[in-house]
Amino acid sequence: MSSTPDSPAHDGDDLAKLREEIDELKSHSTQDLIDPPLGDLAQDAPEPAPTDAIGSEPSSEDE
């Protein structure tokens, strides 16, 4: 690729970073990338709070 005043010569640093990211992704199985294990996510999930049933709240007509 040639350099121009608008785009200086490329030194390849960003390609090295991209290669590291690709290598890191290749270290995982395809299944783990498609359907990652929950692991610590389950511990961080909020506890569900009980809610009132639909229709159990008084409507504005009842007030």
N, C-alpha and C. Protein backbone atom coordinates (compact mmCIF):
# COMPACT_ATOMS: atom_id res chain seq x y z
N MET A 1 0.86 -1.17 0.00
CA MET A 1 0.00 0.00 0.00
C MET A 1 0.90 1.23 0.00
N SER A 2 0.62 2.16 -0.84
CA SER A 2 1.45 3.36 -0.92
C SER A 2 0.94 4.42 0.04
N SER A 3 1.84 5.28 0.45
CA SER A 3 1.46 6.35 1.37
C SER A 3 1.22 7.62 0.58
N THR A 4 0.34 8.43 1.09
CA THR A 4 0.04 9.73 0.52
C THR A 4 0.08 10.75 1.65
N PRO A 5 0.06 12.02 1.34
CA PRO A 5 0.05 13.01 2.43
C PRO A 5 -1.15 12.85 3.36
N ASP A 6 -2.27 12.36 2.83
CA ASP A 6 -3.47 12.18 3.65
C ASP A 6 -3.41 10.90 4.47
N SER A 7 -2.65 9.91 4.02
CA SER A 7 -2.53 8.66 4.77
C SER A 7 -1.06 8.26 4.82
N PRO A 8 -0.41 8.50 5.96
CA PRO A 8 1.03 8.19 6.08
C PRO A 8 1.29 6.69 5.99
N ALA A 9 2.57 6.35 5.84
CA ALA A 9 2.96 4.95 5.74
C ALA A 9 2.47 4.18 6.95
N HIS A 10 2.06 2.95 6.74
CA HIS A 10 1.47 2.11 7.79
C HIS A 10 2.58 1.31 8.46
N ASP A 11 2.63 1.33 9.80
CA ASP A 11 3.69 0.60 10.50
C ASP A 11 3.24 -0.77 10.99
N GLY A 12 1.94 -1.10 10.95
CA GLY A 12 1.46 -2.43 11.30
C GLY A 12 1.15 -2.64 12.77
N ASP A 13 1.26 -1.62 13.61
CA ASP A 13 0.97 -1.79 15.04
C ASP A 13 -0.47 -2.24 15.28
N ASP A 14 -1.42 -1.64 14.57
CA ASP A 14 -2.81 -2.02 14.78
C ASP A 14 -3.07 -3.45 14.31
N LEU A 15 -2.31 -3.91 13.32
CA LEU A 15 -2.47 -5.29 12.87
C LEU A 15 -1.98 -6.27 13.92
N ALA A 16 -0.95 -5.91 14.66
CA ALA A 16 -0.45 -6.78 15.73
C ALA A 16 -1.51 -6.90 16.83
N LYS A 17 -2.17 -5.81 17.15
CA LYS A 17 -3.23 -5.85 18.16
C LYS A 17 -4.39 -6.71 17.67
N LEU A 18 -4.73 -6.58 16.41
CA LEU A 18 -5.79 -7.38 15.84
C LEU A 18 -5.43 -8.86 15.85
N ARG A 19 -4.17 -9.18 15.55
CA ARG A 19 -3.70 -10.57 15.57
C ARG A 19 -3.82 -11.15 16.97
N GLU A 20 -3.48 -10.35 18.01
CA GLU A 20 -3.60 -10.82 19.40
C GLU A 20 -5.06 -11.14 19.73
N GLU A 21 -5.96 -10.28 19.28
CA GLU A 21 -7.38 -10.51 19.55
C GLU A 21 -7.88 -11.76 18.83
N ILE A 22 -7.44 -11.95 17.59
CA ILE A 22 -7.83 -13.14 16.83
C ILE A 22 -7.30 -14.39 17.51
N ASP A 23 -6.04 -14.36 17.94
CA ASP A 23 -5.45 -15.52 18.61
C ASP A 23 -6.19 -15.84 19.91
N GLU A 24 -6.60 -14.80 20.62
CA GLU A 24 -7.33 -15.01 21.88
C GLU A 24 -8.69 -15.66 21.58
N LEU A 25 -9.37 -15.20 20.53
CA LEU A 25 -10.65 -15.79 20.18
C LEU A 25 -10.50 -17.23 19.68
N LYS A 26 -9.41 -17.50 18.97
CA LYS A 26 -9.17 -18.85 18.47
C LYS A 26 -8.89 -19.83 19.61
N SER A 27 -8.50 -19.32 20.78
CA SER A 27 -8.22 -20.20 21.90
C SER A 27 -9.51 -20.76 22.52
N HIS A 28 -10.66 -20.18 22.18
CA HIS A 28 -11.96 -20.64 22.68
C HIS A 28 -12.61 -21.55 21.64
N SER A 29 -13.40 -22.48 22.12
CA SER A 29 -14.12 -23.35 21.18
C SER A 29 -15.26 -22.55 20.54
N THR A 30 -15.67 -22.99 19.38
CA THR A 30 -16.78 -22.32 18.68
C THR A 30 -18.03 -22.36 19.54
N GLN A 31 -18.26 -23.46 20.22
CA GLN A 31 -19.45 -23.59 21.07
C GLN A 31 -19.44 -22.56 22.19
N ASP A 32 -18.28 -22.32 22.79
CA ASP A 32 -18.19 -21.33 23.86
C ASP A 32 -18.43 -19.92 23.33
N LEU A 33 -18.05 -19.65 22.09
CA LEU A 33 -18.28 -18.33 21.52
C LEU A 33 -19.75 -18.12 21.18
N ILE A 34 -20.41 -19.19 20.72
CA ILE A 34 -21.82 -19.09 20.34
C ILE A 34 -22.72 -19.10 21.57
N ASP A 35 -22.43 -19.99 22.51
CA ASP A 35 -23.25 -20.16 23.70
C ASP A 35 -22.33 -20.17 24.92
N PRO A 36 -21.91 -18.98 25.38
CA PRO A 36 -20.94 -18.93 26.48
C PRO A 36 -21.53 -19.50 27.78
N PRO A 37 -20.68 -20.14 28.58
CA PRO A 37 -21.16 -20.65 29.87
C PRO A 37 -21.52 -19.47 30.78
N LEU A 38 -22.51 -19.69 31.64
CA LEU A 38 -22.97 -18.61 32.50
C LEU A 38 -21.94 -18.22 33.54
N GLY A 39 -21.26 -19.19 34.12
CA GLY A 39 -20.19 -18.91 35.08
C GLY A 39 -20.61 -17.93 36.15
N ASP A 40 -19.90 -16.83 36.25
CA ASP A 40 -20.15 -15.84 37.29
C ASP A 40 -21.39 -15.00 37.02
N LEU A 41 -21.92 -15.05 35.80
CA LEU A 41 -23.09 -14.24 35.50
C LEU A 41 -24.28 -14.64 36.36
N ALA A 42 -24.41 -15.93 36.65
CA ALA A 42 -25.54 -16.39 37.46
C ALA A 42 -25.48 -15.81 38.86
N GLN A 43 -24.29 -15.61 39.39
CA GLN A 43 -24.13 -15.05 40.73
C GLN A 43 -24.50 -13.58 40.76
N ASP A 44 -24.31 -12.89 39.63
CA ASP A 44 -24.58 -11.45 39.57
C ASP A 44 -26.02 -11.14 39.21
N ALA A 45 -26.80 -12.16 38.89
CA ALA A 45 -28.20 -11.93 38.49
C ALA A 45 -29.01 -11.45 39.69
N PRO A 46 -29.86 -10.47 39.50
CA PRO A 46 -30.67 -9.98 40.61
C PRO A 46 -31.74 -11.00 41.00
N GLU A 47 -32.12 -10.97 42.24
CA GLU A 47 -33.18 -11.84 42.72
C GLU A 47 -34.51 -11.29 42.22
N PRO A 48 -35.37 -12.14 41.70
CA PRO A 48 -36.67 -11.64 41.24
C PRO A 48 -37.52 -11.21 42.44
N ALA A 49 -38.21 -10.11 42.27
CA ALA A 49 -39.08 -9.60 43.33
C ALA A 49 -40.51 -10.03 43.04
N PRO A 50 -41.26 -10.37 44.08
CA PRO A 50 -42.66 -10.75 43.84
C PRO A 50 -43.45 -9.55 43.31
N THR A 51 -44.38 -9.82 42.44
CA THR A 51 -45.22 -8.75 41.89
C THR A 51 -46.67 -9.11 42.11
N ASP A 52 -47.51 -8.11 41.99
CA ASP A 52 -48.95 -8.32 42.12
C ASP A 52 -49.47 -8.91 40.81
N ALA A 53 -50.49 -9.72 40.93
CA ALA A 53 -51.11 -10.30 39.74
C ALA A 53 -51.79 -9.21 38.93
N ILE A 54 -51.87 -9.44 37.63
CA ILE A 54 -52.54 -8.48 36.75
C ILE A 54 -54.00 -8.38 37.17
N GLY A 55 -54.45 -7.17 37.31
CA GLY A 55 -55.84 -6.95 37.70
C GLY A 55 -56.04 -6.88 39.20
N SER A 56 -55.04 -7.12 40.01
CA SER A 56 -55.21 -7.09 41.45
C SER A 56 -55.10 -5.68 42.01
N GLU A 57 -54.57 -4.76 41.22
CA GLU A 57 -54.46 -3.38 41.68
C GLU A 57 -55.79 -2.68 41.42
N PRO A 58 -56.17 -1.78 42.31
CA PRO A 58 -57.44 -1.09 42.10
C PRO A 58 -57.32 -0.19 40.85
N SER A 59 -58.34 -0.18 40.05
CA SER A 59 -58.32 0.67 38.87
C SER A 59 -58.72 2.08 39.26
N SER A 60 -58.52 3.02 38.37
CA SER A 60 -58.87 4.41 38.68
C SER A 60 -60.39 4.57 38.81
N GLU A 61 -61.15 3.64 38.25
CA GLU A 61 -62.62 3.72 38.35
C GLU A 61 -63.08 3.35 39.77
N ASP A 62 -62.28 2.51 40.49
CA ASP A 62 -62.67 2.08 41.82
C ASP A 62 -62.41 3.14 42.86
N GLU A 63 -61.61 4.14 42.57
CA GLU A 63 -61.26 5.17 43.57
C GLU A 63 -62.28 6.22 43.72
